[in-house]
C-alpha cells in the first residue's frame, strides 16, 4: 500500500513538473470563487504578468483592466460558466503594451463525484503565425484579384462590375443579417467572406475565348456551352488555389459563389442543376447581384436596361431563378443598391 501511495505521489510530482516546464501557458481557475490557483512560467510570460500578480487573485481583478480584452474575458467566462462544454478559440489579448494573438483551450478539473471544480486554460501565443498568415492571405488575395480584373478587362468592362456586385452582395447579406434571416449561417465572418469572395465569381471566364466573351450577337449552342463552363472551371481554379496555398475561409466562399452563382432556385440552372437551399447561400445572393448588374449595365452586345424593367425581371423570376428570401432583402435595400450603381458606374 505504501508503495502504491509513493508511486501516486511520484506521478503527481512528475505531472506538476511537466506542467510547470511546458512551453504552452497553463492557468487554473477555481470555479467556485473565480480565484486563480496556478500559473506556470509560460503563462506568466505570455500574459506579461508575474505569478504574484495572478495567483490568489480573482480572475476579473487580473484581466478586466483593459476593454481590449473583452474577447479574451468572454472566452474564459464561457469556460467557467458552461462547464459541460469544451472551448477552443483564437482571441486577441492586450498586455498593456502590445496585442498578442492567443489560441486558448479550456478543460476542467473535477472532484471525485465528477463535478467540475476548476477551469484549466492552455494558452498558446500564435502572434507571429497569425501575422505571417495574414501576409500570406493578402498576397493570395492580391494575386487572385488580379486574375478577376484580367477577366473583367477581357469581357470589355472597366472593372465596375466586380466592384458593384461585391457591394451588392454585401448590402443584401447585411439586410438578411439585420432581418435575422439565416441566423445559423450569417455572422460577421460570413459578411466579410462573401464581400471578399464576390469579385472572384466569374474567374472561370479566363478559360473562355475573347471571341465568345465579346461576341456582339447571339451565341450559338456550342458557344453558350463553352460560356457556361466558366462556373465549373472557376470552382476548380479556386479549389486548386486552396490546395496550393495557405487556407483562407473566404476562398471556401469563393468556391461556392464561382461554382453555383448560375444555379436556379427551381433546379434549372448550371453546372449541377441543384435547387433550393442545396445552393449555397452565398451563391444565391450572388445570383441576384450578378443578374441585376448584367441587366442594367451596357455591354458590347446590348444597351443597359432601365431600372424598373430590371426590377420587374427580378420580381418575375423570384421563386424560379432566385431565392424569395434573398430577393426580399434585395428590395428592402433598394436605395443602397441604387447608390452603389450610381457611384460605381462604368465610363
Protein backbone atom coordinates (compact mmCIF):
# COMPACT_ATOMS: atom_id res chain seq x y z
CA UNK A 1 0.00 0.00 0.00
CA UNK A 2 2.81 2.37 0.89
CA UNK A 3 4.46 1.63 -2.47
CA UNK A 4 1.22 2.46 -4.32
CA UNK A 5 0.87 5.74 -2.43
CA UNK A 6 4.50 6.57 -3.16
CA UNK A 7 4.03 5.84 -6.85
CA UNK A 8 0.96 8.10 -6.91
CA UNK A 9 2.94 10.86 -5.17
CA UNK A 10 5.82 10.49 -7.63
CA UNK A 11 3.41 10.61 -10.59
CA UNK A 12 1.80 13.76 -9.19
CA UNK A 13 5.22 15.41 -8.82
CA UNK A 14 6.18 14.40 -12.36
CA UNK A 15 2.89 15.79 -13.74
CA UNK A 16 3.38 19.09 -11.91
CA UNK A 17 6.95 19.40 -13.21
CA UNK A 18 5.81 18.73 -16.77
CA UNK A 19 3.08 21.38 -16.50
CA UNK A 20 5.49 23.83 -14.87
CA UNK A 21 8.03 23.45 -17.67
CA UNK A 22 5.59 23.35 -20.61
CA UNK A 23 6.08 25.78 -23.49
CA UNK A 24 2.32 26.35 -23.50
CA UNK A 25 0.87 28.56 -20.81
CA UNK A 26 -1.22 26.82 -18.17
CA UNK A 27 -3.56 28.74 -15.88
CA UNK A 28 -6.02 27.15 -13.41
CA UNK A 29 -9.07 28.98 -12.02
CA UNK A 30 -11.15 27.72 -9.08
CA UNK A 31 -14.71 27.51 -10.40
CA UNK A 32 -16.48 28.34 -7.14
CA UNK A 33 -14.76 31.63 -6.25
CA UNK A 34 -13.04 32.51 -9.57
CA UNK A 35 -9.65 32.58 -7.82
CA UNK A 36 -6.55 31.82 -9.91
CA UNK A 37 -4.84 28.90 -8.20
CA UNK A 38 -2.00 28.00 -10.55
CA UNK A 39 0.07 29.73 -13.25
CA UNK A 40 3.11 28.21 -14.93
CA UNK A 41 6.10 30.22 -16.16
CA UNK A 42 4.97 30.17 -19.79
CA UNK A 43 1.53 31.59 -18.92
CA UNK A 44 3.15 34.41 -16.96
CA UNK A 45 5.38 35.22 -19.95
CA UNK A 46 2.52 35.03 -22.47
CA UNK A 47 0.19 37.17 -20.37
CA UNK A 48 3.04 39.56 -19.42
CA UNK A 49 2.23 39.35 -15.71
CA UNK A 50 4.10 37.93 -12.72
CA UNK A 51 2.76 34.88 -10.93
CA UNK A 52 2.38 37.04 -7.83
CA UNK A 53 0.04 39.36 -9.73
CA UNK A 54 -2.22 36.42 -10.60
CA UNK A 55 -2.09 33.55 -8.10
CA UNK A 56 -4.62 34.05 -5.31
CA UNK A 57 -6.40 36.84 -7.20
CA UNK A 58 -9.86 36.78 -8.73
CA UNK A 59 -9.79 36.34 -12.47
CA UNK A 60 -11.72 39.59 -13.01
CA UNK A 61 -9.19 41.58 -11.00
CA UNK A 62 -6.36 40.45 -13.27
CA UNK A 63 -7.74 40.74 -16.76
CA UNK A 64 -10.59 43.26 -16.87
CA UNK A 65 -8.48 46.41 -16.67
CA UNK A 66 -8.36 46.75 -20.48
CA UNK A 67 -11.53 46.79 -22.56
CA UNK A 68 -9.42 45.48 -25.44
CA UNK A 69 -9.51 42.12 -23.62
CA UNK A 70 -13.28 41.68 -23.88
CA UNK A 71 -12.89 38.76 -26.30
CA UNK A 72 -10.32 37.05 -24.06
CA UNK A 73 -12.50 37.57 -20.98
CA UNK A 74 -15.58 36.25 -22.79
CA UNK A 75 -13.62 33.15 -23.72
CA UNK A 76 -12.67 32.48 -20.09
CA UNK A 77 -16.17 33.24 -18.79
CA UNK A 78 -17.64 30.71 -21.20
CA UNK A 79 -15.23 28.13 -19.85
CA UNK A 80 -16.25 28.96 -16.27
CA UNK A 81 -20.00 29.14 -16.72
CA UNK A 82 -20.51 26.49 -19.41
CA UNK A 83 -18.63 23.71 -17.69
CA UNK A 84 -20.29 20.96 -19.74
CA UNK A 85 -18.74 22.32 -22.93
CA UNK A 86 -15.15 22.38 -24.14
CA UNK A 87 -13.92 25.60 -25.75
CA UNK A 88 -11.20 26.34 -28.28
CA UNK A 89 -10.81 29.77 -29.78
CA UNK A 90 -8.39 32.32 -31.15
CA UNK A 91 -8.57 35.67 -29.37
CA UNK A 92 -6.62 38.92 -29.14
CA UNK A 93 -5.01 39.70 -25.77
CA UNK A 94 -3.72 43.14 -24.81
CA UNK A 95 -0.82 43.21 -22.34
CA UNK A 96 -0.93 46.95 -21.79
CA UNK A 97 1.94 47.37 -24.26
CA UNK A 98 1.11 45.16 -27.22
CA UNK A 99 -1.68 43.00 -28.62
CA UNK A 100 -0.96 39.31 -28.97
CA UNK A 101 -2.97 36.61 -30.71
CA UNK A 102 -3.65 33.68 -28.39
CA UNK A 103 -5.11 30.25 -29.05
CA UNK A 104 -6.99 29.29 -25.89
CA UNK A 105 -8.15 25.80 -24.99
CA UNK A 106 -10.21 25.21 -21.85
CA UNK A 107 -10.81 21.99 -19.92
CA UNK A 108 -11.94 21.14 -16.39
CA UNK A 109 -10.74 19.60 -13.18
CA UNK A 110 -13.36 17.53 -11.38
CA UNK A 111 -13.87 16.18 -7.88
CA UNK A 112 -14.38 12.50 -7.02
CA UNK A 113 -18.06 12.81 -7.92
CA UNK A 114 -17.32 14.15 -11.39
CA UNK A 115 -18.40 17.70 -10.53
CA UNK A 116 -16.31 20.44 -12.25
CA UNK A 117 -14.37 22.36 -9.62
CA UNK A 118 -11.77 24.17 -11.70
CA UNK A 119 -11.10 25.53 -15.17
CA UNK A 120 -7.79 24.80 -16.88
CA UNK A 121 -6.71 27.18 -19.64
CA UNK A 122 -4.00 26.19 -22.09
CA UNK A 123 -2.54 29.29 -23.77
CA UNK A 124 -0.56 29.30 -27.00
CA UNK A 125 0.93 32.56 -28.31
CA UNK A 126 0.38 32.38 -32.08
CA UNK A 127 1.04 36.07 -32.79
CA UNK A 128 3.87 35.51 -35.28
CA UNK A 129 1.99 32.71 -37.02
CA UNK A 130 -1.15 34.89 -37.28
CA UNK A 131 0.85 37.79 -38.73
CA UNK A 132 2.51 35.51 -41.28
CA UNK A 133 -0.84 34.03 -42.24
CA UNK A 134 -2.32 37.50 -42.66
CA UNK A 135 0.52 38.45 -45.03
CA UNK A 136 0.06 35.23 -47.00
CA UNK A 137 -3.68 35.83 -47.28
CA UNK A 138 -3.11 39.40 -48.51
CA UNK A 139 -0.65 38.17 -51.13
CA UNK A 140 -3.00 35.37 -52.11
CA UNK A 141 -5.95 37.73 -52.37
CA UNK A 142 -3.92 40.21 -54.41
CA UNK A 143 -2.95 37.52 -56.93
CA UNK A 144 -6.49 36.21 -57.30
CA UNK A 145 -7.93 39.72 -57.59
CA UNK A 146 -5.52 40.37 -60.46
CA UNK A 147 -7.00 37.30 -62.16
CA UNK A 148 -10.52 38.63 -61.57
CA UNK A 149 -9.62 42.05 -63.01
CA UNK A 150 -7.95 40.39 -66.01
CA UNK A 151 -11.17 38.50 -66.72
CA UNK A 152 -13.17 41.70 -66.31
CA UNK A 153 -11.00 43.59 -68.78
CA UNK A 154 -11.28 40.78 -71.35
CA UNK A 155 -15.06 40.98 -71.04
CA UNK A 156 -14.94 44.56 -72.33
CA UNK A 157 -15.64 46.16 -68.94
CA UNK A 158 -13.77 48.71 -66.82
CA UNK A 159 -13.89 46.82 -63.54
CA UNK A 160 -17.16 48.35 -62.40
CA UNK A 161 -19.00 45.01 -62.48
CA UNK A 162 -16.83 43.31 -59.87
CA UNK A 163 -16.88 46.39 -57.63
CA UNK A 164 -20.64 46.79 -57.88
CA UNK A 165 -21.51 43.12 -57.39
CA UNK A 166 -19.24 42.94 -54.34
CA UNK A 167 -21.12 45.89 -52.86
CA UNK A 168 -24.50 44.41 -53.81
CA UNK A 169 -23.81 41.08 -52.07
CA UNK A 170 -22.56 42.92 -49.01
CA UNK A 171 -25.74 45.01 -48.87
CA UNK A 172 -28.07 42.03 -49.40
CA UNK A 173 -26.24 39.88 -46.85
CA UNK A 174 -26.27 42.71 -44.30
CA UNK A 175 -30.02 43.18 -44.83
CA UNK A 176 -30.59 39.45 -44.27
CA UNK A 177 -28.48 39.67 -41.11
CA UNK A 178 -30.41 42.72 -39.86
CA UNK A 179 -33.69 40.90 -40.55
CA UNK A 180 -32.41 37.84 -38.65
CA UNK A 181 -32.71 35.60 -41.70
CA UNK A 182 -30.47 32.52 -41.87
CA UNK A 183 -29.04 33.17 -38.37
CA UNK A 184 -27.25 29.82 -38.40
CA UNK A 185 -25.22 30.96 -41.44
CA UNK A 186 -24.89 34.74 -41.43
CA UNK A 187 -22.48 36.28 -38.93
CA UNK A 188 -19.66 38.83 -39.11
CA UNK A 189 -17.34 36.25 -40.68
CA UNK A 190 -19.88 35.38 -43.37
CA UNK A 191 -20.37 39.08 -44.19
CA UNK A 192 -16.63 39.60 -44.54
CA UNK A 193 -16.03 36.41 -46.54
CA UNK A 194 -18.87 36.98 -49.03
CA UNK A 195 -17.72 40.54 -49.73
CA UNK A 196 -14.10 39.47 -50.20
CA UNK A 197 -15.02 36.48 -52.35
CA UNK A 198 -17.59 38.16 -54.63
CA UNK A 199 -15.09 39.58 -57.19
CA UNK A 200 -13.97 36.02 -57.93
CA UNK A 201 -17.37 34.72 -59.06
CA UNK A 202 -16.50 34.90 -62.78
CA UNK A 203 -12.83 33.92 -62.54
CA UNK A 204 -13.59 30.81 -64.64
CA UNK A 205 -14.14 33.05 -67.67
CA UNK A 206 -10.37 33.10 -68.02
CA UNK A 207 -10.85 29.86 -69.98
CA UNK A 208 -13.40 31.38 -72.41
CA UNK A 209 -12.09 32.92 -75.62
CA UNK A 210 -12.34 36.65 -76.31
CA UNK A 211 -14.37 35.89 -79.43
CA UNK A 212 -17.13 34.37 -77.30
CA UNK A 213 -16.87 36.84 -74.40
CA UNK A 214 -17.17 39.83 -76.72
CA UNK A 215 -19.43 38.48 -79.43
CA UNK A 216 -21.99 41.19 -80.24
CA UNK A 217 -24.66 38.79 -81.44
CA UNK A 218 -26.45 35.76 -80.01
CA UNK A 219 -24.23 32.84 -79.02
CA UNK A 220 -24.61 29.51 -80.77
CA UNK A 221 -25.50 26.46 -78.70
CA UNK A 222 -21.87 25.35 -78.81
CA UNK A 223 -20.61 28.80 -77.79
CA UNK A 224 -23.15 29.00 -74.97
CA UNK A 225 -21.99 25.60 -73.69
CA UNK A 226 -18.43 26.94 -73.59
CA UNK A 227 -19.60 30.10 -71.81
CA UNK A 228 -21.50 28.02 -69.22
CA UNK A 229 -18.36 26.03 -68.47
CA UNK A 230 -16.90 29.04 -66.64
CA UNK A 231 -18.78 28.15 -63.44
CA UNK A 232 -17.21 24.68 -63.13
CA UNK A 233 -13.81 25.99 -64.31
CA UNK A 234 -13.87 28.80 -61.73
CA UNK A 235 -14.74 26.36 -58.95
CA UNK A 236 -11.84 24.10 -59.94
CA UNK A 237 -9.37 27.00 -60.20
CA UNK A 238 -10.25 28.16 -56.70
CA UNK A 239 -10.16 24.63 -55.27
CA UNK A 240 -6.67 24.27 -56.72
CA UNK A 241 -5.71 27.58 -55.10
CA UNK A 242 -6.89 26.28 -51.71
CA UNK A 243 -4.80 23.14 -52.08
CA UNK A 244 -1.71 25.01 -53.21
CA UNK A 245 -1.65 27.84 -50.67
CA UNK A 246 -2.35 28.70 -47.05
CA UNK A 247 -6.04 28.05 -46.46
CA UNK A 248 -8.34 31.07 -46.17
CA UNK A 249 -12.02 30.85 -45.26
CA UNK A 250 -13.04 33.40 -47.89
CA UNK A 251 -11.77 31.00 -50.58
CA UNK A 252 -14.31 28.39 -49.45
CA UNK A 253 -16.99 31.01 -50.00
CA UNK A 254 -15.44 31.97 -53.35
CA UNK A 255 -15.57 28.32 -54.46
CA UNK A 256 -19.29 28.21 -53.65
CA UNK A 257 -20.00 31.50 -55.39
CA UNK A 258 -18.00 30.74 -58.53
CA UNK A 259 -19.43 27.26 -58.89
CA UNK A 260 -23.07 27.91 -58.06
CA UNK A 261 -24.00 31.52 -58.93
CA UNK A 262 -25.75 30.29 -62.09
CA UNK A 263 -27.83 27.66 -60.27
CA UNK A 264 -31.56 28.37 -60.16
CA UNK A 265 -33.84 28.12 -57.15
CA UNK A 266 -36.03 25.65 -59.10
CA UNK A 267 -33.07 23.47 -60.15
CA UNK A 268 -32.92 24.53 -63.81
CA UNK A 269 -29.56 26.27 -63.60
CA UNK A 270 -26.00 25.06 -64.17
CA UNK A 271 -23.50 23.43 -63.77
CA UNK A 272 -25.06 20.92 -61.34
CA UNK A 273 -28.80 21.57 -61.53
CA UNK A 274 -29.15 21.82 -57.74
CA UNK A 275 -32.13 23.64 -56.22
CA UNK A 276 -33.43 25.44 -53.14
CA UNK A 277 -31.23 25.53 -50.09
CA UNK A 278 -28.90 22.95 -51.64
CA UNK A 279 -27.46 26.00 -53.43
CA UNK A 280 -25.01 27.71 -51.04
CA UNK A 281 -26.49 30.89 -49.56
CA UNK A 282 -23.54 32.95 -50.80
CA UNK A 283 -24.27 31.83 -54.38
CA UNK A 284 -27.99 32.57 -54.04
CA UNK A 285 -27.12 36.12 -53.01
CA UNK A 286 -24.53 36.40 -55.78
CA UNK A 287 -27.09 35.26 -58.38
CA UNK A 288 -29.31 38.26 -57.70
CA UNK A 289 -26.41 40.72 -57.65
CA UNK A 290 -24.91 39.31 -60.85
CA UNK A 291 -28.14 39.24 -62.86
CA UNK A 292 -29.23 42.69 -61.70
CA UNK A 293 -25.92 44.25 -62.69
CA UNK A 294 -25.91 42.42 -66.03
CA UNK A 295 -29.40 43.73 -66.77
CA UNK A 296 -28.72 47.40 -66.02
CA UNK A 297 -25.19 47.56 -67.49
CA UNK A 298 -24.24 48.32 -71.07
CA UNK A 299 -22.39 45.53 -72.85
CA UNK A 300 -20.95 45.11 -76.33
CA UNK A 301 -23.98 43.02 -77.23
CA UNK A 302 -26.72 45.14 -75.57
CA UNK A 303 -27.60 48.52 -74.01
CA UNK A 304 -28.25 48.92 -70.30
CA UNK A 305 -31.81 48.20 -69.20
CA UNK A 306 -33.94 50.78 -67.32
CA UNK A 307 -34.07 50.12 -63.57
CA UNK A 308 -37.80 49.46 -63.38
CA UNK A 309 -37.63 46.85 -66.11
CA UNK A 310 -34.70 45.13 -64.36
CA UNK A 311 -36.62 45.16 -61.08
CA UNK A 312 -39.63 43.64 -62.85
CA UNK A 313 -37.48 40.76 -64.13
CA UNK A 314 -36.04 40.10 -60.66
CA UNK A 315 -39.58 40.00 -59.22
CA UNK A 316 -40.86 37.81 -62.05
CA UNK A 317 -38.08 35.25 -61.53
CA UNK A 318 -38.48 35.11 -57.75
CA UNK A 319 -39.12 31.53 -56.74
CA UNK A 320 -37.89 30.16 -60.06
CA UNK A 321 -34.44 31.69 -60.59
CA UNK A 322 -33.98 33.42 -57.24
CA UNK A 323 -34.40 32.61 -53.54
CA UNK A 324 -37.51 34.60 -52.44
CA UNK A 325 -36.00 35.50 -49.05
CA UNK A 326 -32.88 36.95 -50.69
CA UNK A 327 -34.99 38.88 -53.21
CA UNK A 328 -36.99 40.39 -50.35
CA UNK A 329 -33.74 41.61 -48.78
CA UNK A 330 -32.60 43.00 -52.16
CA UNK A 331 -35.71 45.16 -52.48
CA UNK A 332 -35.63 46.27 -48.84
CA UNK A 333 -32.13 47.61 -49.54
CA UNK A 334 -33.08 49.07 -52.95
CA UNK A 335 -31.93 52.61 -52.17
CA UNK A 336 -28.48 51.40 -51.13
CA UNK A 337 -28.26 49.25 -54.26
CA UNK A 338 -29.03 52.25 -56.47
CA UNK A 339 -26.44 54.40 -54.69
CA UNK A 340 -23.78 51.79 -55.48
CA UNK A 341 -24.91 51.57 -59.10
CA UNK A 342 -24.53 55.33 -59.44
CA UNK A 343 -21.21 55.66 -57.58
CA UNK A 344 -19.52 52.79 -59.48
CA UNK A 345 -20.97 53.46 -62.93
CA UNK A 346 -18.87 52.42 -65.91
CA UNK A 347 -17.37 55.21 -68.01
